[in-house]
């Protein structure tokens, strides 16, 4: 775990400048991703096997098993339980998408980003949070990526499994399942950092080019 978090203890004064990051003698570019290309970029990293992706798929399986358990507790017929769970997923998506992105924004602020922006793509029904020009180390980026999963999933799990079994529990469990699945992009990015461990990694968002750049030490 320590190697994935490499750079997490780097202070702002110790971080390279943008000019230094683009000096090929100091750093090499490992990814230059357009903000509208993020989905295509993350897909291979979600499929790439590691303990991170394995743990994530186990979490999804556990949430799904919890929904089945709640359904059996409720005594509802499957034809009654399934639509309620789906409704919870739809409602969860509409409610949780902006909350999810703003948790990313708060995490960026906590590591020192002076500015954050949350943008939505209504055509794809997706959201995107960026911290323009803020140089972020690999460890900090991992924390930003995992913040919504770490903050929202425990709350959703308590809400879904604390009430007595019934329609409300299935509705809330649907929201939990949706949010767990919606964190797949964040997990893919964490996996990307993991597979580039061993050398200091940095990233920043370029709002003018609408791209995110990833660098690692050339040494």
Protein backbone atom coordinates (compact mmCIF):
# COMPACT_ATOMS: atom_id res chain seq x y z
CA UNK A 1 0.00 0.00 0.00
CA UNK A 2 2.88 2.34 0.76
CA UNK A 3 4.15 2.21 -2.81
CA UNK A 4 0.74 3.17 -4.21
CA UNK A 5 0.66 6.13 -1.88
CA UNK A 6 4.13 7.28 -2.91
CA UNK A 7 4.22 11.04 -2.95
CA UNK A 8 1.35 11.38 -0.46
CA UNK A 9 3.64 13.11 2.05
CA UNK A 10 5.03 15.61 -0.46
CA UNK A 11 4.37 19.22 0.51
CA UNK A 12 3.43 21.95 -1.95
CA UNK A 13 6.93 23.38 -1.72
CA UNK A 14 8.42 20.00 -2.70
CA UNK A 15 6.18 19.50 -5.71
CA UNK A 16 7.57 20.22 -9.17
CA UNK A 17 6.29 23.12 -11.21
CA UNK A 18 4.36 22.59 -14.42
CA UNK A 19 7.46 23.62 -16.36
CA UNK A 20 9.51 20.99 -14.54
CA UNK A 21 6.90 18.32 -15.22
CA UNK A 22 7.25 19.02 -18.93
CA UNK A 23 11.05 18.76 -18.79
CA UNK A 24 11.80 15.34 -20.34
CA UNK A 25 15.01 15.10 -18.37
CA UNK A 26 13.05 15.19 -15.14
CA UNK A 27 9.66 13.62 -15.90
CA UNK A 28 8.00 11.52 -18.54
CA UNK A 29 4.40 11.82 -19.66
CA UNK A 30 2.54 8.56 -19.02
CA UNK A 31 -0.93 9.79 -19.99
CA UNK A 32 -2.45 12.88 -21.61
CA UNK A 33 -6.20 12.42 -21.49
CA UNK A 34 -8.92 14.67 -22.88
CA UNK A 35 -11.71 15.29 -20.41
CA UNK A 36 -14.16 13.92 -22.97
CA UNK A 37 -12.00 10.80 -23.36
CA UNK A 38 -11.95 9.76 -19.71
CA UNK A 39 -14.44 6.90 -20.09
CA UNK A 40 -12.41 5.33 -22.89
CA UNK A 41 -9.19 5.85 -20.93
CA UNK A 42 -10.36 4.19 -17.72
CA UNK A 43 -11.97 1.08 -19.21
CA UNK A 44 -8.74 -0.92 -19.68
CA UNK A 45 -7.60 -0.04 -16.15
CA UNK A 46 -10.85 -1.30 -14.64
CA UNK A 47 -10.34 -4.63 -16.43
CA UNK A 48 -6.66 -4.87 -15.49
CA UNK A 49 -6.41 -7.36 -12.64
CA UNK A 50 -4.91 -6.29 -9.33
CA UNK A 51 -5.83 -6.55 -5.66
CA UNK A 52 -7.59 -3.19 -6.12
CA UNK A 53 -9.97 -4.33 -8.85
CA UNK A 54 -10.45 -7.70 -7.12
CA UNK A 55 -11.46 -5.96 -3.89
CA UNK A 56 -13.79 -3.66 -5.80
CA UNK A 57 -15.63 -6.51 -7.54
CA UNK A 58 -15.88 -8.35 -4.21
CA UNK A 59 -17.48 -5.21 -2.75
CA UNK A 60 -20.03 -5.16 -5.57
CA UNK A 61 -20.79 -8.84 -4.98
CA UNK A 62 -21.21 -8.19 -1.25
CA UNK A 63 -23.67 -5.34 -1.89
CA UNK A 64 -25.64 -7.50 -4.31
CA UNK A 65 -25.72 -10.33 -1.76
CA UNK A 66 -26.96 -7.83 0.82
CA UNK A 67 -29.82 -6.84 -1.48
CA UNK A 68 -30.81 -10.48 -1.92
CA UNK A 69 -30.70 -10.90 1.86
CA UNK A 70 -32.90 -7.84 2.33
CA UNK A 71 -35.33 -9.14 -0.28
CA UNK A 72 -35.62 -12.49 1.50
CA UNK A 73 -36.17 -10.67 4.80
CA UNK A 74 -38.90 -8.50 3.32
CA UNK A 75 -41.07 -11.41 2.24
CA UNK A 76 -41.90 -9.58 -0.99
CA UNK A 77 -42.27 -11.38 -4.28
CA UNK A 78 -39.41 -10.87 -6.70
CA UNK A 79 -41.74 -9.08 -9.11
CA UNK A 80 -42.49 -6.57 -6.34
CA UNK A 81 -38.96 -6.28 -4.95
CA UNK A 82 -37.12 -5.82 -8.24
CA UNK A 83 -38.90 -2.62 -9.37
CA UNK A 84 -38.39 -1.05 -5.93
CA UNK A 85 -34.65 -1.78 -6.07
CA UNK A 86 -34.45 -0.37 -9.61
CA UNK A 87 -36.31 2.75 -8.52
CA UNK A 88 -33.77 3.16 -5.74
CA UNK A 89 -30.98 2.92 -8.30
CA UNK A 90 -32.54 5.58 -10.52
CA UNK A 91 -33.25 7.92 -7.61
CA UNK A 92 -29.79 7.24 -6.23
CA UNK A 93 -28.20 8.22 -9.53
CA UNK A 94 -30.06 11.52 -9.74
CA UNK A 95 -29.42 12.44 -6.11
CA UNK A 96 -25.93 11.04 -5.63
CA UNK A 97 -24.22 12.17 -8.85
CA UNK A 98 -23.80 15.82 -7.78
CA UNK A 99 -22.99 14.81 -4.19
CA UNK A 100 -20.37 12.34 -5.45
CA UNK A 101 -18.65 14.98 -7.59
CA UNK A 102 -18.68 17.58 -4.84
CA UNK A 103 -17.08 15.11 -2.43
CA UNK A 104 -14.26 14.91 -4.98
CA UNK A 105 -14.15 18.72 -4.95
CA UNK A 106 -13.91 18.85 -1.15
CA UNK A 107 -11.12 16.26 -1.25
CA UNK A 108 -9.23 18.40 -3.77
CA UNK A 109 -9.64 21.42 -1.50
CA UNK A 110 -8.36 19.44 1.47
CA UNK A 111 -5.09 18.66 -0.31
CA UNK A 112 -4.59 22.32 -1.16
CA UNK A 113 -6.26 22.93 -4.54
CA UNK A 114 -7.15 26.61 -4.83
CA UNK A 115 -9.97 26.04 -7.30
CA UNK A 116 -12.29 23.20 -8.28
CA UNK A 117 -14.88 22.86 -11.00
CA UNK A 118 -17.67 20.33 -11.38
CA UNK A 119 -19.08 19.89 -14.86
CA UNK A 120 -21.87 17.63 -16.12
CA UNK A 121 -22.41 15.94 -19.45
CA UNK A 122 -26.18 15.69 -19.78
CA UNK A 123 -25.93 13.64 -22.96
CA UNK A 124 -23.93 10.94 -21.19
CA UNK A 125 -25.44 11.64 -17.74
CA UNK A 126 -22.00 11.86 -16.20
CA UNK A 127 -20.15 14.33 -14.02
CA UNK A 128 -16.54 15.42 -13.86
CA UNK A 129 -14.58 17.23 -11.16
CA UNK A 130 -11.29 18.98 -11.87
CA UNK A 131 -8.83 21.17 -10.00
CA UNK A 132 -7.36 23.47 -12.68
CA UNK A 133 -3.56 23.74 -12.61
CA UNK A 134 -3.30 22.11 -9.17
CA UNK A 135 -0.33 19.72 -9.12
CA UNK A 136 -1.42 16.58 -7.30
CA UNK A 137 0.85 13.74 -6.21
CA UNK A 138 -0.06 10.10 -6.78
CA UNK A 139 -1.02 9.55 -3.15
CA UNK A 140 -3.16 12.67 -3.08
CA UNK A 141 -4.87 11.64 -6.30
CA UNK A 142 -5.72 8.26 -4.79
CA UNK A 143 -7.35 9.98 -1.82
CA UNK A 144 -9.36 12.26 -4.11
CA UNK A 145 -10.53 9.27 -6.18
CA UNK A 146 -11.55 7.19 -3.17
CA UNK A 147 -13.22 9.99 -1.20
CA UNK A 148 -16.82 9.40 -2.44
CA UNK A 149 -16.58 5.64 -1.91
CA UNK A 150 -15.10 6.12 1.57
CA UNK A 151 -17.58 8.82 2.62
CA UNK A 152 -20.87 7.92 0.93
CA UNK A 153 -20.89 4.12 0.91
CA UNK A 154 -20.79 3.70 4.73
CA UNK A 155 -23.66 6.19 5.05
CA UNK A 156 -25.68 4.42 2.36
CA UNK A 157 -24.95 1.01 3.90
CA UNK A 158 -26.20 2.15 7.30
CA UNK A 159 -29.35 3.59 5.74
CA UNK A 160 -29.96 0.46 3.68
CA UNK A 161 -29.42 -2.12 6.40
CA UNK A 162 -30.42 -0.30 9.56
CA UNK A 163 -34.21 0.02 8.99
CA UNK A 164 -36.46 -2.96 9.40
CA UNK A 165 -36.66 -5.03 6.19
CA UNK A 166 -39.20 -3.87 3.69
CA UNK A 167 -39.69 -1.66 0.67
CA UNK A 168 -37.68 1.26 2.08
CA UNK A 169 -34.69 -0.96 2.77
CA UNK A 170 -34.74 -2.33 -0.77
CA UNK A 171 -35.07 1.18 -2.17
CA UNK A 172 -32.05 2.39 -0.20
CA UNK A 173 -30.08 -0.76 -1.05
CA UNK A 174 -30.67 0.02 -4.72
CA UNK A 175 -29.04 3.41 -4.17
CA UNK A 176 -26.09 1.72 -2.48
CA UNK A 177 -25.66 -0.70 -5.39
CA UNK A 178 -25.83 2.15 -7.89
CA UNK A 179 -23.23 4.24 -6.09
CA UNK A 180 -20.86 1.30 -5.68
CA UNK A 181 -21.07 0.67 -9.41
CA UNK A 182 -20.70 4.38 -10.17
CA UNK A 183 -17.34 4.38 -8.38
CA UNK A 184 -15.87 2.12 -11.07
CA UNK A 185 -14.14 5.02 -12.82
CA UNK A 186 -12.51 6.13 -9.57
CA UNK A 187 -11.30 2.59 -8.92
CA UNK A 188 -9.89 2.37 -12.46
CA UNK A 189 -7.88 5.54 -11.88
CA UNK A 190 -6.57 4.20 -8.57
CA UNK A 191 -5.57 1.03 -10.40
CA UNK A 192 -3.77 3.17 -12.98
CA UNK A 193 -1.73 4.80 -10.20
CA UNK A 194 -1.03 1.40 -8.64
CA UNK A 195 0.38 0.01 -11.87
CA UNK A 196 2.72 3.01 -12.13
CA UNK A 197 4.00 2.73 -8.57
CA UNK A 198 7.69 2.80 -7.81
CA UNK A 199 8.43 6.27 -9.13
CA UNK A 200 6.94 9.60 -8.04
CA UNK A 201 3.73 10.32 -9.95
CA UNK A 202 2.08 13.72 -10.43
CA UNK A 203 -0.97 14.95 -12.30
CA UNK A 204 -2.75 18.18 -13.06
CA UNK A 205 -5.75 19.37 -15.08
CA UNK A 206 -5.23 21.80 -17.95
CA UNK A 207 -8.55 23.68 -18.34
CA UNK A 208 -7.42 25.45 -21.50
CA UNK A 209 -6.71 22.20 -23.37
CA UNK A 210 -9.42 20.38 -21.38
CA UNK A 211 -6.99 17.56 -20.65
CA UNK A 212 -5.53 15.80 -17.64
CA UNK A 213 -1.81 15.02 -17.71
CA UNK A 214 -0.01 12.33 -15.71
CA UNK A 215 3.76 12.30 -15.19
CA UNK A 216 6.26 10.13 -13.38
CA UNK A 217 9.88 10.67 -12.42
CA UNK A 218 12.19 9.96 -15.35
CA UNK A 219 14.91 8.61 -13.07
